Protein backbone atom coordinates (compact mmCIF):
# COMPACT_ATOMS: atom_id res chain seq x y z
CA MET A 1 15.66 -29.43 -8.64
CA PRO A 2 16.82 -26.30 -10.50
CA ASP A 3 20.30 -24.97 -9.54
CA ASN A 4 23.01 -22.46 -10.42
CA ASN A 5 24.47 -24.76 -13.08
CA SER A 6 21.37 -24.21 -15.35
CA ILE A 7 21.94 -23.99 -19.11
CA ILE A 8 18.76 -22.08 -19.70
CA LYS A 9 19.52 -19.07 -21.85
CA TYR A 10 17.68 -15.99 -20.88
CA PRO A 11 17.05 -13.11 -23.06
CA ASP A 12 18.84 -9.74 -23.23
CA MET A 13 17.52 -7.08 -20.99
CA ALA A 14 17.51 -3.35 -20.83
CA LEU A 15 16.34 -0.57 -18.48
CA VAL A 16 13.30 1.59 -19.53
CA LYS A 17 12.15 4.73 -18.08
CA GLN A 18 8.45 5.23 -17.89
CA ARG A 19 6.78 8.85 -17.96
CA LEU A 20 4.54 8.93 -15.01
CA TYR A 21 2.25 11.70 -13.54
CA LYS A 22 4.43 14.03 -11.43
CA SER A 23 3.19 16.67 -8.94
CA GLY A 24 4.85 20.11 -9.27
CA SER A 25 4.22 21.15 -5.77
CA LYS A 26 7.11 21.33 -3.23
CA ASP A 27 6.24 23.49 -0.21
CA LEU A 28 4.55 20.80 2.17
CA SER A 29 4.27 23.08 5.22
CA ALA A 30 2.64 25.83 3.06
CA LYS A 31 0.13 23.26 1.73
CA ILE A 32 -0.80 21.84 5.19
CA LEU A 33 -1.24 25.27 6.71
CA SER A 34 -3.39 26.53 3.80
CA THR A 35 -5.71 23.63 3.81
CA LEU A 36 -6.05 23.55 7.44
CA SER A 37 -6.57 27.34 7.86
CA SER A 38 -9.36 27.08 5.42
CA LEU A 39 -11.49 24.95 7.72
CA PRO A 40 -14.15 26.85 9.80
CA ILE A 41 -13.44 25.30 13.22
CA PRO A 42 -16.58 25.70 15.31
CA ASN A 43 -16.61 28.40 17.96
CA SER A 44 -17.96 26.00 20.51
CA ILE A 45 -14.61 24.23 20.79
CA LYS A 46 -12.76 25.07 23.91
CA PRO A 47 -8.92 25.47 24.39
CA GLY A 48 -7.46 22.19 26.16
CA GLU A 49 -9.80 19.75 24.49
CA THR A 50 -8.18 16.56 23.55
CA VAL A 51 -7.91 15.34 19.76
CA ALA A 52 -7.06 11.81 18.90
CA VAL A 53 -5.21 11.91 15.54
CA ALA A 54 -5.44 8.55 13.89
CA VAL A 55 -2.68 7.37 11.48
CA GLY A 56 -2.62 3.98 9.52
CA SER A 57 -0.02 1.40 8.69
CA ARG A 58 0.86 2.51 5.14
CA LYS A 59 4.18 4.08 4.15
CA ILE A 60 2.64 7.13 2.76
CA SER A 61 4.83 9.94 1.15
CA LYS A 62 5.92 12.32 3.95
CA ILE A 63 3.46 11.07 6.46
CA ASP A 64 5.67 11.85 9.40
CA ARG A 65 5.90 15.58 8.15
CA ILE A 66 2.29 15.83 7.46
CA LEU A 67 1.33 14.53 10.87
CA TYR A 68 3.71 16.83 12.46
CA TYR A 69 2.38 19.98 10.87
CA CYS A 70 -1.14 18.86 11.72
CA LEU A 71 -0.20 18.41 15.33
CA GLU A 72 1.46 21.92 15.50
CA TYR A 73 -1.69 23.40 13.95
CA LEU A 74 -3.76 21.66 16.51
CA LYS A 75 -1.56 22.88 19.33
CA LYS A 76 -1.67 26.33 18.23
CA LYS A 77 -5.50 26.32 18.28
CA GLY A 78 -5.14 25.39 21.97
CA PHE A 79 -5.96 21.61 21.47
CA LYS A 80 -4.15 18.80 23.27
CA PRO A 81 -3.50 16.33 20.46
CA PHE A 82 -2.25 12.71 20.69
CA ILE A 83 -1.56 10.04 18.16
CA ILE A 84 -3.38 6.73 17.83
CA PRO A 85 -2.76 3.83 15.35
CA ALA A 86 -5.85 3.21 13.22
CA MET A 87 -4.85 0.04 11.39
CA GLY A 88 -7.15 -2.78 12.10
CA SER A 89 -5.24 -5.90 12.87
CA HIS A 90 -1.90 -4.75 11.37
CA GLY A 91 1.25 -4.82 13.59
CA GLY A 92 0.32 -8.22 14.53
CA ALA A 93 -2.88 -7.00 16.22
CA THR A 94 -0.87 -5.97 19.30
CA SER A 95 -0.56 -2.52 20.92
CA ASP A 96 3.35 -2.83 20.88
CA GLY A 97 3.28 -4.07 17.12
CA GLN A 98 1.11 -1.09 16.10
CA ARG A 99 3.22 1.33 17.95
CA ASN A 100 6.33 -0.20 16.12
CA VAL A 101 4.77 0.16 12.83
CA LEU A 102 4.29 3.97 13.32
CA ALA A 103 7.91 4.06 14.54
CA LYS A 104 9.22 2.80 11.22
CA PHE A 105 7.61 5.83 9.69
CA GLY A 106 9.38 8.20 12.05
CA ILE A 107 6.17 8.54 14.03
CA THR A 108 7.23 8.49 17.65
CA GLU A 109 6.56 10.69 20.85
CA ALA A 110 10.08 12.14 20.62
CA ALA A 111 9.68 13.13 17.00
CA MET A 112 6.14 14.36 17.16
CA GLY A 113 6.19 16.08 20.56
CA VAL A 114 2.83 14.38 21.67
CA PRO A 115 1.95 11.02 23.26
CA VAL A 116 1.40 7.95 21.11
CA ILE A 117 -1.39 5.94 22.75
CA SER A 118 -1.60 2.41 21.38
CA ASP A 119 -4.07 -0.21 22.65
CA MET A 120 -6.48 -2.69 21.18
CA ASP A 121 -9.58 -1.90 23.33
CA VAL A 122 -12.76 -1.11 21.26
CA GLU A 123 -16.48 -0.39 22.01
CA CYS A 124 -19.41 -1.06 19.72
CA ILE A 125 -21.16 2.15 18.99
CA SER A 126 -23.82 1.08 16.42
CA GLU A 127 -24.69 -1.51 13.60
CA VAL A 128 -25.03 -1.22 9.94
CA PRO A 129 -28.54 -2.32 8.89
CA LYS A 130 -28.09 -5.91 7.79
CA GLY A 131 -24.42 -5.32 8.23
CA PRO A 132 -21.53 -5.40 10.67
CA LYS A 133 -21.37 -4.12 14.20
CA ILE A 134 -19.37 -0.91 14.15
CA TYR A 135 -16.35 -0.95 16.69
CA ILE A 136 -14.34 2.10 17.55
CA SER A 137 -11.16 2.52 19.61
CA LYS A 138 -12.06 3.25 23.15
CA THR A 139 -9.24 5.74 23.41
CA ALA A 140 -10.48 7.62 20.22
CA LEU A 141 -13.93 7.68 21.80
CA LYS A 142 -12.68 9.04 25.15
CA ALA A 143 -11.09 12.08 23.27
CA ASP A 144 -13.12 15.17 22.71
CA HIS A 145 -12.38 14.89 19.01
CA ILE A 146 -11.06 12.73 16.30
CA VAL A 147 -8.92 13.58 13.22
CA ILE A 148 -8.11 11.03 10.62
CA ILE A 149 -5.30 11.18 8.15
CA ASN A 150 -5.09 8.63 5.20
CA ARG A 151 -4.19 8.29 1.58
CA ILE A 152 -7.00 7.95 -1.08
CA LYS A 153 -6.39 5.14 -3.61
CA ASN A 154 -7.84 2.17 -5.31
CA HIS A 155 -8.46 -0.83 -3.27
CA THR A 156 -6.89 -4.06 -4.22
CA LYS A 157 -9.93 -6.24 -3.61
CA PHE A 158 -13.04 -4.35 -4.92
CA ARG A 159 -14.38 -1.44 -7.03
CA ALA A 160 -16.91 1.07 -5.52
CA ASP A 161 -17.43 4.79 -5.16
CA ILE A 162 -15.45 4.62 -2.00
CA GLU A 163 -12.52 2.32 -1.61
CA SER A 164 -9.24 2.93 0.47
CA GLY A 165 -9.14 6.21 2.32
CA LEU A 166 -10.69 8.12 5.05
CA CYS A 167 -13.94 6.31 5.23
CA LYS A 168 -12.19 2.91 5.33
CA MET A 169 -9.98 4.20 8.11
CA LEU A 170 -13.13 5.28 10.09
CA SER A 171 -15.04 1.99 9.54
CA ILE A 172 -12.16 -0.48 9.74
CA GLY A 173 -8.83 1.12 10.90
CA LEU A 174 -10.35 2.67 14.00
CA GLY A 175 -12.08 -0.65 14.82
CA LYS A 176 -8.70 -2.16 15.56
CA ALA A 177 -8.47 -6.08 15.21
CA LYS A 178 -12.05 -6.85 16.45
CA GLY A 179 -13.63 -4.35 14.19
CA ALA A 180 -11.59 -5.28 11.11
CA ALA A 181 -12.50 -8.94 11.56
CA GLU A 182 -16.07 -8.14 11.94
CA PHE A 183 -16.15 -5.81 9.00
CA HIS A 184 -14.23 -8.23 6.56
CA GLN A 185 -16.45 -11.04 7.61
CA CYS A 186 -19.72 -9.25 6.80
CA ALA A 187 -18.34 -7.77 3.70
CA ILE A 188 -18.11 -11.10 2.03
CA LYS A 189 -21.95 -11.33 2.18
CA ASN A 190 -22.87 -7.74 1.76
CA SER A 191 -19.85 -6.28 -0.38
CA PHE A 192 -17.41 -3.54 0.86
CA ARG A 193 -19.93 -1.03 -0.20
CA ILE A 194 -20.94 -0.99 3.45
CA ILE A 195 -17.87 1.15 4.05
CA GLU A 196 -19.82 4.15 3.16
CA ASP A 197 -22.92 3.15 5.40
CA ALA A 198 -20.61 2.56 8.31
CA ALA A 199 -18.79 5.91 7.71
CA LYS A 200 -21.98 7.84 7.84
CA THR A 201 -22.91 6.35 11.07
CA ILE A 202 -19.46 7.09 12.60
CA ILE A 203 -19.56 10.58 11.43
CA ASN A 204 -22.99 10.98 12.83
CA LYS A 205 -22.22 9.44 16.20
CA CYS A 206 -18.50 10.40 16.78
CA ASN A 207 -16.95 13.80 17.14
CA ILE A 208 -14.91 13.93 14.07
CA LEU A 209 -13.19 17.20 13.95
CA PHE A 210 -11.82 16.80 10.27
CA GLY A 211 -10.05 14.46 8.00
CA ILE A 212 -6.97 15.10 5.97
CA ALA A 213 -6.99 13.31 2.53
CA LEU A 214 -3.63 12.62 0.81
CA LEU A 215 -3.09 11.90 -2.92
CA GLU A 216 0.06 10.49 -4.41
CA ASP A 217 1.52 10.89 -7.91
CA GLY A 218 2.80 8.15 -10.09
CA PHE A 219 6.05 8.41 -8.21
CA GLY A 220 4.58 7.87 -4.91
CA ASP A 221 5.20 11.48 -3.98
CA LEU A 222 2.59 13.77 -2.29
CA ALA A 223 0.60 15.30 -5.07
CA HIS A 224 -2.51 16.64 -3.15
CA VAL A 225 -3.38 17.28 0.59
CA GLU A 226 -6.83 18.46 1.67
CA ALA A 227 -8.47 19.07 4.96
CA ILE A 228 -12.21 18.08 4.93
CA LEU A 229 -14.96 18.72 7.38
CA PRO A 230 -16.83 15.56 8.43
CA SER A 231 -19.97 16.56 6.65
CA SER A 232 -18.11 16.74 3.37
CA ILE A 233 -15.82 13.62 3.85
CA ILE A 234 -17.79 11.09 2.00
CA GLU A 235 -18.63 13.10 -1.09
CA ARG A 236 -15.10 14.57 -1.32
CA GLU A 237 -13.70 11.04 -1.08
CA LYS A 238 -15.60 9.98 -4.09
CA ILE A 239 -14.11 12.74 -6.29
CA LEU A 240 -10.54 12.38 -4.95
CA LEU A 241 -10.79 8.64 -5.64
CA LYS A 242 -11.10 9.43 -9.32
CA ASP A 243 -8.18 12.00 -9.16
CA ALA A 244 -6.07 9.18 -7.44
CA ALA A 245 -6.83 6.60 -10.02
CA ALA A 246 -5.81 9.01 -12.84
CA MET A 247 -2.30 9.58 -11.19
CA MET A 248 -1.71 6.11 -10.57
CA GLY A 249 1.19 4.29 -12.26
CA HIS A 250 0.85 0.89 -14.04
CA ILE A 251 2.87 -1.72 -15.91
CA PRO A 252 2.66 -0.74 -19.64
CA PHE A 253 3.04 -4.14 -21.08
CA ASP A 254 0.43 -6.70 -21.61
CA PRO A 255 0.45 -9.72 -21.59
CA LEU A 256 3.59 -10.90 -19.69
CA ASP A 257 5.32 -14.25 -19.27
CA ILE A 258 7.14 -13.38 -16.17
CA LEU A 259 6.93 -10.40 -13.72
CA ILE A 260 9.67 -10.24 -11.41
CA ILE A 261 9.03 -8.14 -8.16
CA ASP A 262 11.98 -7.27 -6.07
CA TYR A 263 9.99 -6.36 -2.84
CA ILE A 264 6.67 -6.92 -1.34
CA GLY A 265 5.49 -5.65 1.96
CA LYS A 266 2.78 -3.95 4.05
CA ASP A 267 4.58 -0.59 3.54
CA ILE A 268 4.08 -0.95 -0.16
CA SER A 269 0.59 -2.34 -0.26
CA GLY A 270 -2.10 -3.80 1.92
CA ILE A 271 -1.47 -7.15 0.19
CA GLY A 272 2.21 -6.72 -0.27
CA MET A 273 2.00 -6.23 -3.94
CA ASP A 274 -0.90 -4.15 -5.40
CA SER A 275 -3.22 -6.19 -7.55
CA ASN A 276 -4.11 -3.04 -9.39
CA ILE A 277 -0.49 -3.23 -10.72
CA THR A 278 0.03 -7.08 -11.05
CA GLY A 279 -3.37 -7.92 -12.55
CA ARG A 280 -3.35 -10.89 -10.09
CA HIS A 281 -6.41 -11.30 -7.91
CA ARG A 282 -6.85 -14.40 -5.65
CA ASP A 283 -9.78 -14.15 -3.06
CA ILE A 284 -12.84 -15.64 -1.67
CA LEU A 285 -14.74 -13.37 -3.88
CA GLY A 286 -13.09 -14.87 -6.90
CA ASP A 287 -9.79 -15.53 -8.64
CA PHE A 288 -9.50 -13.45 -11.74
CA TYR A 289 -6.86 -11.68 -13.91
CA THR A 290 -6.65 -8.13 -15.26
CA ALA A 291 -3.93 -6.42 -17.24
CA PRO A 292 -1.11 -7.07 -17.47
CA HIS A 293 -2.11 -10.86 -17.49
CA VAL A 294 0.94 -12.46 -16.23
CA LYS A 295 1.72 -16.13 -16.33
CA ARG A 296 4.27 -16.36 -13.58
CA ILE A 297 5.07 -13.92 -10.71
CA PHE A 298 8.27 -14.28 -9.03
CA VAL A 299 8.90 -12.25 -5.91
CA ARG A 300 12.50 -11.93 -4.40
CA GLU A 301 12.40 -10.13 -1.04
CA LEU A 302 10.25 -8.98 1.79
CA SER A 303 10.57 -5.39 2.54
CA PRO A 304 12.47 -4.69 5.94
CA ASP A 305 9.71 -2.13 6.74
CA SER A 306 7.01 -4.74 6.62
CA ASP A 307 8.27 -5.91 9.87
CA GLY A 308 7.96 -9.67 8.92
CA ASN A 309 4.29 -9.28 7.61
CA GLY A 310 4.25 -11.19 4.20
CA HIS A 311 0.41 -11.01 3.67
CA GLY A 312 0.20 -11.24 -0.16
CA ILE A 313 2.92 -13.70 -0.85
CA GLY A 314 0.20 -16.16 -1.90
CA LEU A 315 -0.30 -14.03 -4.93
CA ALA A 316 3.19 -15.12 -6.14
CA ASP A 317 3.80 -18.30 -8.08
CA ILE A 318 7.46 -18.65 -6.84
CA THR A 319 9.71 -16.96 -4.29
CA THR A 320 13.05 -17.33 -2.55
CA LYS A 321 14.11 -19.12 0.76
CA ARG A 322 15.42 -15.50 1.76
CA LEU A 323 11.89 -14.18 1.76
CA VAL A 324 10.34 -17.11 3.55
CA ASP A 325 13.10 -16.99 6.25
CA ALA A 326 11.96 -13.26 6.79
CA LEU A 327 8.44 -13.95 7.36
CA ASP A 328 6.82 -13.53 10.81
CA LEU A 329 4.09 -16.24 10.44
CA ARG A 330 2.09 -15.01 13.39
CA LYS A 331 1.66 -11.46 11.88
CA THR A 332 1.24 -12.76 8.44
CA TYR A 333 -1.41 -15.30 9.29
CA THR A 334 -3.19 -12.81 11.69
CA ASN A 335 -3.43 -10.27 8.89
CA ALA A 336 -4.60 -12.82 6.32
CA ILE A 337 -7.27 -14.41 8.61
CA THR A 338 -8.75 -10.96 9.59
CA ALA A 339 -9.03 -10.01 5.95
CA ILE A 340 -10.75 -13.27 5.23
CA SER A 341 -7.90 -14.00 2.84
CA PRO A 342 -5.93 -17.08 3.96
CA GLU A 343 -5.00 -17.79 0.41
CA LYS A 344 -2.88 -14.66 0.30
CA ALA A 345 -0.61 -15.94 3.09
CA ALA A 346 -0.02 -19.24 1.24
CA ILE A 347 3.67 -19.75 0.77
CA PRO A 348 4.74 -20.54 -2.87
CA ILE A 349 7.45 -22.95 -3.67
CA HIS A 350 10.68 -21.37 -2.99
CA PHE A 351 14.37 -21.71 -3.92
CA ASP A 352 17.84 -20.66 -2.62
CA THR A 353 18.66 -18.43 -5.39
CA ASP A 354 17.08 -16.09 -7.88
CA ARG A 355 18.38 -18.18 -10.72
CA ALA A 356 16.91 -21.41 -9.40
CA ALA A 357 13.64 -19.62 -8.98
CA LEU A 358 13.69 -18.08 -12.58
CA ASP A 359 14.51 -21.49 -13.98
CA VAL A 360 11.19 -22.72 -12.54
CA CYS A 361 9.53 -19.69 -14.19
CA ALA A 362 11.17 -20.44 -17.55
CA LYS A 363 10.11 -24.22 -17.56
CA THR A 364 6.51 -23.43 -16.69
CA ILE A 365 5.30 -20.69 -19.18
CA GLY A 366 5.05 -22.80 -22.23
CA LEU A 367 7.67 -21.30 -24.52
CA ASP A 368 10.02 -23.30 -26.76
CA SER A 369 12.61 -20.35 -26.54
CA MET A 370 13.21 -17.95 -23.77
CA GLU A 371 14.31 -15.36 -26.43
CA ASP A 372 10.67 -14.84 -27.02
CA ALA A 373 9.82 -14.45 -23.32
CA ARG A 374 7.93 -11.25 -22.43
CA ILE A 375 9.74 -10.34 -18.94
CA VAL A 376 9.38 -7.19 -16.74
CA ARG A 377 11.20 -6.59 -13.54
CA ILE A 378 10.20 -3.86 -11.08
CA LYS A 379 11.51 -2.86 -7.65
CA ASN A 380 8.00 -2.95 -6.04
CA THR A 381 4.42 -2.17 -7.19
CA ALA A 382 4.74 1.43 -5.80
CA THR A 383 7.85 2.23 -7.76
CA LEU A 384 7.26 2.08 -11.49
CA GLU A 385 9.49 4.72 -13.26
CA LEU A 386 12.37 2.26 -13.86
CA LEU A 387 11.66 -1.20 -15.28
CA GLN A 388 14.01 -3.88 -16.71
CA VAL A 389 12.54 -5.62 -19.71
CA SER A 390 13.36 -8.41 -22.24
CA LYS A 391 13.97 -7.83 -25.80
CA ALA A 392 10.67 -9.36 -26.84
CA LEU A 393 9.15 -6.09 -25.54
CA LEU A 394 11.09 -3.78 -27.98
CA PRO A 395 8.02 -3.34 -30.28
CA ASP A 396 5.85 -2.26 -27.23
CA ILE A 397 8.59 0.20 -26.22
CA LEU A 398 8.84 1.83 -29.58
CA SER A 399 5.17 2.21 -29.93
CA ASN A 400 4.55 3.90 -26.60
CA PRO A 401 5.60 7.59 -26.31
CA ASN A 402 5.69 7.29 -22.44
CA LEU A 403 8.55 4.79 -22.47
CA LYS A 404 12.19 5.42 -23.11
CA GLN A 405 14.90 2.77 -23.36
CA ILE A 406 17.95 4.04 -21.40
CA THR A 407 20.46 1.39 -21.50
CA GLU A 408 21.78 -1.05 -24.23
CA TRP A 409 20.59 -4.74 -24.44
CA THR A 410 22.73 -6.75 -22.18
CA PRO A 411 22.84 -10.38 -20.96
CA PHE A 412 20.61 -11.25 -18.08
CA GLN A 413 22.89 -10.64 -15.03
CA PHE A 414 23.43 -12.89 -12.08
CA ASP A 415 25.98 -12.37 -9.41
CA ASN A 416 28.28 -15.05 -8.03
CA ASN A 417 25.59 -16.38 -5.71
CA GLY A 418 23.12 -16.82 -8.52
CA ASN A 419 21.03 -13.67 -7.49
CA LEU A 420 19.98 -10.53 -9.42
CA PRO A 421 21.66 -7.37 -8.68
CA GLU A 422 19.65 -4.39 -7.38
CA LEU A 423 18.00 -2.51 -10.20
CA SER A 424 19.57 0.71 -9.13
CA SER A 425 23.06 -0.79 -9.59
CA LEU A 426 22.42 -0.91 -13.38
CA LEU A 427 22.19 2.78 -13.74
CA SER A 428 25.24 5.12 -13.88
CA TYR A 429 23.14 8.29 -13.41
CA ARG A 430 20.11 9.49 -11.44
CA LEU A 431 16.73 9.15 -13.44
CA SER A 432 15.78 12.70 -12.13
CA ASP A 433 18.71 14.19 -14.03
CA LYS A 434 17.67 12.85 -17.40
């Protein structure tokens, strides 16, 4: 059993800053007002009509402010808006759990000035030909109109013209736990391309007022916001997905012996750590690896904002007892089973300290000397500007104009408890100042 008395000699490490796509826009309120004002709201709409504004479970940049400005716009137009969670089975598939997910993002009745109505009741409105039944929140259906707000990005499980975004929120998020389970089950047989078919049906049958599409830059900051009429949602989302993919960050080293991820969580990615970043895919549809082709993934902590949901931990090879102790197994298992991905909730071997966990990584990568180990450490898969890397990656750094070494090579550091210090503690200045 590995312990803190290990004699394994780890390579020297340095901090590297990666140049990522950064949006130059700052005035969020002006952005929201401009895009909403451009929408031709039908004259047939009467003051006092209700609007269910749907929000998901992702920690999207400035989502609380975006939602607030949207609600204020609707109120000025004479509507009576309220908020509903549209997050499938997340939040433990309970009304209180989903309300709590929103609260962690600052989305509460007190902060937003409108009711937050959270329940799990759904109604079947139609069926995709040779596909799933389509369920929609009863609360949303009772409203005169529905507005959806979501980020557009690549999905962690599949590739298609439409992946994560407004259409997925319509077809899965608004379907709550029952709809999400039905959809995921059917997608195994028919592929997730049925998202587009389901979205078309929902747009035709439900009174969607508009959608707000959000894109984030490589820093996870809001890069683009666009209000879209229902008739244009599907085609605009296809275009915006390409824009989102172009702005997305990545790990600029391939292959790797060890990838250390400080935090995973639902607030970071739907599967805790984004497979588009780690290259690790484990799924009923197939296990496969893409860049950066990592031999061992070591995950240190569960994000506090994940509320105990550790879905995705099964993508790691090794973790800590700290993370395992932080898991809410009911929430984790509910999410994994609904997504037809129980393998992503499988708990890896785990140890009391980071040092003990890393010793196992070192002993299982097939190297004679750790001096040759290609190691990268990141905060999480959504935060990729600052990376800690081993000296074996120096040639990669020197050949990549988007990388800059910002500290000297120093010995691998552990504290007195055998754990790694926070990445930010290794910096004496702010990255944005350099």
